């Protein structure tokens, strides 16, 4: 089942929390309605949500367009503001 958790755009935004159950995995990835690439240097950051500050665990960009995340854990993906095609 595919679920969109961040509508395509190029404004700064973050996904809702992505809760992954123990022993489970989910795949998060970039998508666009247009056949386009992210502008060079644009990266969506992946954070592990903790009781304190979030921990950076990876990124998505033109070279890494999807990644599997394991549980138990809660994650969030952040899109920076940039000029270019809309991605979610």
C-alpha atoms as a PDB file:
ATOM      1  CA  UNK A   1       0.000   0.000   0.000  1.00  0.00           C
ATOM      2  CA  UNK A   2       1.348   3.415  -0.955  1.00  0.00           C
ATOM      3  CA  UNK A   3       0.553   6.381   1.232  1.00  0.00           C
ATOM      4  CA  UNK A   4       1.425   9.996   0.463  1.00  0.00           C
ATOM      5  CA  UNK A   5       2.571  11.707   3.651  1.00  0.00           C
ATOM      6  CA  UNK A   6       3.842  14.981   2.173  1.00  0.00           C
ATOM      7  CA  UNK A   7       2.117  16.678  -0.760  1.00  0.00           C
ATOM      8  CA  UNK A   8       4.482  17.764  -3.547  1.00  0.00           C
ATOM      9  CA  UNK A   9       5.826  21.272  -3.146  1.00  0.00           C
ATOM     10  CA  UNK A  10       9.008  23.307  -2.915  1.00  0.00           C
ATOM     11  CA  UNK A  11       8.259  25.136   0.336  1.00  0.00           C
ATOM     12  CA  UNK A  12       9.723  24.069   3.677  1.00  0.00           C
ATOM     13  CA  UNK A  13       7.559  21.343   5.185  1.00  0.00           C
ATOM     14  CA  UNK A  14       7.682  18.182   7.273  1.00  0.00           C
ATOM     15  CA  UNK A  15       5.792  14.916   7.150  1.00  0.00           C
ATOM     16  CA  UNK A  16       3.534  13.739   9.917  1.00  0.00           C
ATOM     17  CA  UNK A  17       5.264  11.352  12.307  1.00  0.00           C
ATOM     18  CA  UNK A  18       6.018   7.996  10.676  1.00  0.00           C
ATOM     19  CA  UNK A  19       5.583   5.358  13.399  1.00  0.00           C
ATOM     20  CA  UNK A  20       7.233   2.032  12.550  1.00  0.00           C
ATOM     21  CA  UNK A  21       6.301  -0.966  14.714  1.00  0.00           C
ATOM     22  CA  UNK A  22       8.886  -3.310  16.206  1.00  0.00           C
ATOM     23  CA  UNK A  23      10.181  -5.735  13.599  1.00  0.00           C
ATOM     24  CA  UNK A  24       8.597  -3.782  10.736  1.00  0.00           C
ATOM     25  CA  UNK A  25      10.037  -1.683   7.947  1.00  0.00           C
ATOM     26  CA  UNK A  26       8.661   1.096   5.786  1.00  0.00           C
ATOM     27  CA  UNK A  27      10.108   2.659   2.680  1.00  0.00           C
ATOM     28  CA  UNK A  28      10.040   6.424   2.237  1.00  0.00           C
ATOM     29  CA  UNK A  29      10.898   8.030  -1.060  1.00  0.00           C
ATOM     30  CA  UNK A  30      10.689  11.162  -3.168  1.00  0.00           C
ATOM     31  CA  UNK A  31       8.025  11.594  -5.800  1.00  0.00           C
ATOM     32  CA  UNK A  32       6.888  14.224  -8.260  1.00  0.00           C
ATOM     33  CA  UNK A  33       4.046  14.538 -10.747  1.00  0.00           C
ATOM     34  CA  UNK A  34       6.592  15.733 -13.328  1.00  0.00           C
ATOM     35  CA  UNK A  35       9.503  13.819 -14.829  1.00  0.00           C
ATOM     36  CA  UNK A  36      12.045  16.054 -13.134  1.00  0.00           C
ATOM     37  CA  UNK A  37      15.005  15.957 -10.802  1.00  0.00           C
ATOM     38  CA  UNK A  38      15.603  17.859  -7.597  1.00  0.00           C
ATOM     39  CA  UNK A  39      17.899  20.841  -8.073  1.00  0.00           C
ATOM     40  CA  UNK A  40      21.546  20.024  -7.229  1.00  0.00           C
ATOM     41  CA  UNK A  41      22.264  20.216  -3.517  1.00  0.00           C
ATOM     42  CA  UNK A  42      18.628  19.905  -2.356  1.00  0.00           C
ATOM     43  CA  UNK A  43      18.256  17.235   0.330  1.00  0.00           C
ATOM     44  CA  UNK A  44      15.245  16.053   2.329  1.00  0.00           C
ATOM     45  CA  UNK A  45      16.475  15.154   5.840  1.00  0.00           C
ATOM     46  CA  UNK A  46      15.266  12.097   7.754  1.00  0.00           C
ATOM     47  CA  UNK A  47      15.022  12.433  11.530  1.00  0.00           C
ATOM     48  CA  UNK A  48      14.469   9.923  14.314  1.00  0.00           C
ATOM     49  CA  UNK A  49      12.050  11.444  16.815  1.00  0.00           C
ATOM     50  CA  UNK A  50      13.182  11.183  20.446  1.00  0.00           C
ATOM     51  CA  UNK A  51      11.900  12.695  23.720  1.00  0.00           C
ATOM     52  CA  UNK A  52      14.595  15.381  23.391  1.00  0.00           C
ATOM     53  CA  UNK A  53      15.943  16.719  20.115  1.00  0.00           C
ATOM     54  CA  UNK A  54      15.424  14.816  16.865  1.00  0.00           C
ATOM     55  CA  UNK A  55      18.379  12.758  15.600  1.00  0.00           C
ATOM     56  CA  UNK A  56      19.488  13.081  11.971  1.00  0.00           C
ATOM     57  CA  UNK A  57      19.587   9.585  10.428  1.00  0.00           C
ATOM     58  CA  UNK A  58      19.840  10.195   6.679  1.00  0.00           C
ATOM     59  CA  UNK A  59      18.716  12.100   3.628  1.00  0.00           C
ATOM     60  CA  UNK A  60      16.923  11.766   0.319  1.00  0.00           C
ATOM     61  CA  UNK A  61      18.171  13.496  -2.831  1.00  0.00           C
ATOM     62  CA  UNK A  62      18.728  12.725  -6.518  1.00  0.00           C
ATOM     63  CA  UNK A  63      21.235   9.955  -5.728  1.00  0.00           C
ATOM     64  CA  UNK A  64      19.213   8.387  -2.863  1.00  0.00           C
ATOM     65  CA  UNK A  65      15.534   8.639  -3.813  1.00  0.00           C
ATOM     66  CA  UNK A  66      14.182   6.066  -1.330  1.00  0.00           C
ATOM     67  CA  UNK A  67      15.264   4.359   1.882  1.00  0.00           C
ATOM     68  CA  UNK A  68      13.930   1.674   4.238  1.00  0.00           C
ATOM     69  CA  UNK A  69      13.397   2.622   7.869  1.00  0.00           C
ATOM     70  CA  UNK A  70      13.163  -0.004  10.614  1.00  0.00           C
ATOM     71  CA  UNK A  71      11.212  -0.103  13.845  1.00  0.00           C
ATOM     72  CA  UNK A  72      10.491   0.299  16.580  1.00  0.00           C
ATOM     73  CA  UNK A  73      10.964   3.984  15.976  1.00  0.00           C
ATOM     74  CA  UNK A  74       9.245   7.179  14.891  1.00  0.00           C
ATOM     75  CA  UNK A  75      10.637   9.209  12.004  1.00  0.00           C
ATOM     76  CA  UNK A  76       9.944  12.483  10.228  1.00  0.00           C
ATOM     77  CA  UNK A  77      11.130  13.708   6.812  1.00  0.00           C
ATOM     78  CA  UNK A  78      11.807  17.427   6.294  1.00  0.00           C
ATOM     79  CA  UNK A  79      11.754  19.199   2.936  1.00  0.00           C
ATOM     80  CA  UNK A  80      13.769  22.428   2.686  1.00  0.00           C
ATOM     81  CA  UNK A  81      12.530  25.464   0.794  1.00  0.00           C
ATOM     82  CA  UNK A  82      14.014  25.550  -2.699  1.00  0.00           C
ATOM     83  CA  UNK A  83      13.318  26.819  -6.216  1.00  0.00           C
ATOM     84  CA  UNK A  84      12.455  24.085  -8.683  1.00  0.00           C
ATOM     85  CA  UNK A  85      10.009  21.262  -9.402  1.00  0.00           C
ATOM     86  CA  UNK A  86       7.568  20.200  -6.682  1.00  0.00           C
ATOM     87  CA  UNK A  87       8.495  17.036  -4.768  1.00  0.00           C
ATOM     88  CA  UNK A  88       6.835  15.226  -1.898  1.00  0.00           C
END
